[in-house]
Amino acid sequence: MTAVAGWNEEVAREIVTRLVALDGAMLPILHALQDEFGYVDPAAVPVIAAALNISRAEAHGTISFYHDFRAAPAGRRVVKICRAEACQANGCEGLLDEVRARAGLSPDVPGDDRLTIETVYCLGNCALGPSALVDGELVGRLDADRLIGLCANGSVEDAQVAAGETK
């Protein structure tokens, strides 16, 4: 991610113009905007709608349908916690309850510029659940202490070692 220091409509228009001729241009445009800015600013909706000749509602609907697109910048640390069936069977809901109670951290609640916690449905690490993706690094066999430590900017490698994972 190159992430410019904030939303810039001129740069956004250049990205949209460059990609508008692609078949199925909506998703490549959204990914490019998020890659550039770290999020898809709501100001992009009318720009995208006009370029693709669709309604603003259609553009907004696509952005809001896909959970990977953000409407605001993410925190410096991004923790994506798996809540799929295998992680649920391994205790992810109890883990989240404990983290809420002990540290006051909740997923999918807009936070600050320090931390973003999101839920996802399957990281493909089912045998080692509950699992999370922390700044793009997979961590399995999570417990509350390790998850709270990771949310406090702890070392991903230390969490992996503590869980008995090897690289």
Protein backbone atom coordinates (compact mmCIF):
# COMPACT_ATOMS: atom_id res chain seq x y z
CA MET A 1 0.00 0.00 0.00
CA THR A 2 1.40 3.36 -1.00
CA ALA A 3 -1.11 5.38 1.07
CA VAL A 4 -1.05 9.09 0.39
CA ALA A 5 -1.34 11.37 3.45
CA GLY A 6 -5.11 11.69 3.07
CA TRP A 7 -7.86 11.68 0.51
CA ASN A 8 -7.10 13.52 -2.72
CA GLU A 9 -9.96 13.77 -5.21
CA GLU A 10 -7.66 14.64 -8.11
CA VAL A 11 -5.57 11.49 -7.58
CA ALA A 12 -8.77 9.47 -7.16
CA ARG A 13 -10.11 10.78 -10.47
CA GLU A 14 -6.84 9.82 -12.18
CA ILE A 15 -7.14 6.27 -10.80
CA VAL A 16 -10.76 5.97 -11.92
CA THR A 17 -9.97 7.35 -15.38
CA ARG A 18 -7.06 4.93 -15.79
CA LEU A 19 -9.18 1.88 -14.91
CA VAL A 20 -12.68 2.74 -16.14
CA ALA A 21 -12.27 0.94 -19.51
CA LEU A 22 -11.59 -2.45 -17.89
CA ASP A 23 -14.30 -5.10 -18.01
CA GLY A 24 -15.85 -5.18 -14.56
CA ALA A 25 -13.97 -2.01 -13.63
CA MET A 26 -15.71 -1.42 -10.28
CA LEU A 27 -13.62 -3.80 -8.17
CA PRO A 28 -10.26 -2.90 -9.74
CA ILE A 29 -11.10 0.78 -9.15
CA LEU A 30 -12.05 0.16 -5.51
CA HIS A 31 -8.92 -1.90 -4.87
CA ALA A 32 -6.72 0.76 -6.48
CA LEU A 33 -8.32 3.52 -4.40
CA GLN A 34 -7.87 1.53 -1.21
CA ASP A 35 -4.27 0.70 -2.15
CA GLU A 36 -3.55 4.36 -2.74
CA PHE A 37 -5.31 5.91 0.25
CA GLY A 38 -5.73 3.00 2.67
CA TYR A 39 -9.52 3.34 2.40
CA VAL A 40 -12.28 4.29 -0.05
CA ASP A 41 -13.45 7.74 0.95
CA PRO A 42 -17.22 8.33 0.63
CA ALA A 43 -16.31 11.20 -1.72
CA ALA A 44 -15.31 8.52 -4.26
CA VAL A 45 -18.91 7.36 -4.66
CA PRO A 46 -20.06 10.14 -7.05
CA VAL A 47 -16.76 9.97 -8.97
CA ILE A 48 -17.11 6.22 -9.51
CA ALA A 49 -20.83 6.43 -10.26
CA ALA A 50 -20.32 9.08 -12.94
CA ALA A 51 -17.39 7.26 -14.55
CA LEU A 52 -19.19 3.90 -14.70
CA ASN A 53 -22.60 5.40 -15.54
CA ILE A 54 -24.26 3.79 -12.52
CA SER A 55 -26.23 5.24 -9.63
CA ARG A 56 -24.54 6.41 -6.47
CA ALA A 57 -26.58 3.76 -4.64
CA GLU A 58 -25.04 1.02 -6.81
CA ALA A 59 -21.52 2.31 -6.19
CA HIS A 60 -22.13 2.64 -2.44
CA GLY A 61 -23.79 -0.80 -2.35
CA THR A 62 -20.73 -2.45 -3.88
CA ILE A 63 -18.35 -0.68 -1.50
CA SER A 64 -20.41 -1.59 1.57
CA PHE A 65 -21.02 -5.20 0.45
CA TYR A 66 -17.33 -6.14 0.48
CA HIS A 67 -15.89 -6.11 3.99
CA ASP A 68 -12.33 -5.50 2.78
CA PHE A 69 -13.18 -1.96 1.71
CA ARG A 70 -12.96 0.65 4.46
CA ALA A 71 -14.69 4.03 4.54
CA ALA A 72 -12.03 5.44 6.88
CA PRO A 73 -8.31 4.83 7.34
CA ALA A 74 -7.33 1.72 9.31
CA GLY A 75 -5.21 1.85 12.41
CA ARG A 76 -1.48 1.29 12.30
CA ARG A 77 -2.06 -2.32 13.45
CA VAL A 78 -4.82 -4.33 11.78
CA VAL A 79 -6.04 -7.49 13.53
CA LYS A 80 -8.50 -9.66 11.58
CA ILE A 81 -10.05 -12.30 13.84
CA CYS A 82 -11.60 -15.41 12.29
CA ARG A 83 -15.17 -16.21 13.32
CA ALA A 84 -15.83 -19.07 10.91
CA GLU A 85 -17.24 -22.39 12.12
CA ALA A 86 -13.91 -24.08 12.88
CA CYS A 87 -12.65 -21.13 14.92
CA GLN A 88 -16.02 -20.97 16.69
CA ALA A 89 -15.67 -24.66 17.56
CA ASN A 90 -12.23 -23.83 19.00
CA GLY A 91 -13.54 -21.01 21.18
CA CYS A 92 -13.23 -17.75 19.25
CA GLU A 93 -16.50 -16.34 20.65
CA GLY A 94 -15.39 -16.95 24.24
CA LEU A 95 -12.00 -15.48 23.37
CA LEU A 96 -13.65 -12.33 22.01
CA ASP A 97 -15.86 -12.08 25.11
CA GLU A 98 -12.79 -12.33 27.35
CA VAL A 99 -10.88 -9.73 25.34
CA ARG A 100 -13.88 -7.37 25.52
CA ALA A 101 -14.12 -7.84 29.29
CA ARG A 102 -10.40 -7.61 30.07
CA ALA A 103 -9.19 -5.04 27.57
CA GLY A 104 -12.34 -3.30 26.34
CA LEU A 105 -11.51 -4.21 22.73
CA SER A 106 -14.29 -5.09 20.31
CA PRO A 107 -14.11 -6.06 16.66
CA ASP A 108 -15.84 -4.11 13.91
CA VAL A 109 -16.14 -0.96 16.02
CA PRO A 110 -14.43 2.11 14.59
CA GLY A 111 -11.37 2.74 16.70
CA ASP A 112 -8.48 5.09 16.62
CA ASP A 113 -5.47 5.44 14.38
CA ARG A 114 -3.58 2.93 16.53
CA LEU A 115 -5.68 -0.25 16.12
CA THR A 116 -8.31 -1.72 13.83
CA ILE A 117 -9.94 -5.02 14.85
CA GLU A 118 -12.10 -6.72 12.24
CA THR A 119 -13.85 -10.05 11.98
CA VAL A 120 -13.43 -12.27 8.96
CA TYR A 121 -14.92 -15.60 8.01
CA CYS A 122 -12.16 -18.10 7.37
CA LEU A 123 -8.44 -17.58 7.19
CA GLY A 124 -7.80 -21.16 6.07
CA ASN A 125 -6.08 -22.03 9.34
CA CYS A 126 -8.92 -24.17 10.67
CA ALA A 127 -6.83 -26.79 12.47
CA LEU A 128 -5.09 -24.10 14.54
CA GLY A 129 -8.08 -21.99 15.52
CA PRO A 130 -8.91 -19.60 16.87
CA SER A 131 -6.81 -17.68 14.38
CA ALA A 132 -6.15 -14.09 13.39
CA LEU A 133 -4.34 -12.22 10.67
CA VAL A 134 -2.18 -9.52 12.28
CA ASP A 135 -0.72 -7.01 9.84
CA GLY A 136 -0.93 -9.72 7.17
CA GLU A 137 0.73 -12.42 9.33
CA LEU A 138 -1.24 -15.50 10.35
CA VAL A 139 -1.34 -16.41 14.05
CA GLY A 140 -3.09 -19.56 15.29
CA ARG A 141 -4.03 -21.11 18.61
CA LEU A 142 -4.86 -17.70 20.02
CA ASP A 143 -5.69 -17.18 23.65
CA ALA A 144 -6.80 -13.95 25.33
CA ASP A 145 -3.33 -13.03 26.59
CA ARG A 146 -1.72 -13.35 23.14
CA LEU A 147 -4.59 -11.56 21.42
CA ILE A 148 -4.50 -8.66 23.90
CA GLY A 149 -0.72 -8.51 23.48
CA LEU A 150 -1.04 -8.41 19.70
CA CYS A 151 -3.62 -5.63 19.95
CA ALA A 152 -1.13 -3.72 22.10
CA ASN A 153 1.40 -3.97 19.27
CA GLY A 154 3.13 -7.10 20.57
CA SER A 155 5.38 -9.16 18.33
CA VAL A 156 3.59 -11.42 15.85
CA GLU A 157 6.60 -13.74 15.79
CA ASP A 158 6.53 -14.08 19.60
CA ALA A 159 2.81 -14.95 19.44
CA GLN A 160 3.48 -17.56 16.77
CA VAL A 161 6.29 -19.14 18.80
CA ALA A 162 4.13 -19.15 21.95
CA ALA A 163 1.43 -21.00 20.00
CA GLY A 164 3.95 -23.60 18.86
CA GLU A 165 3.87 -22.47 15.24
CA THR A 166 6.96 -22.48 13.08
CA LYS A 167 7.68 -20.50 9.96
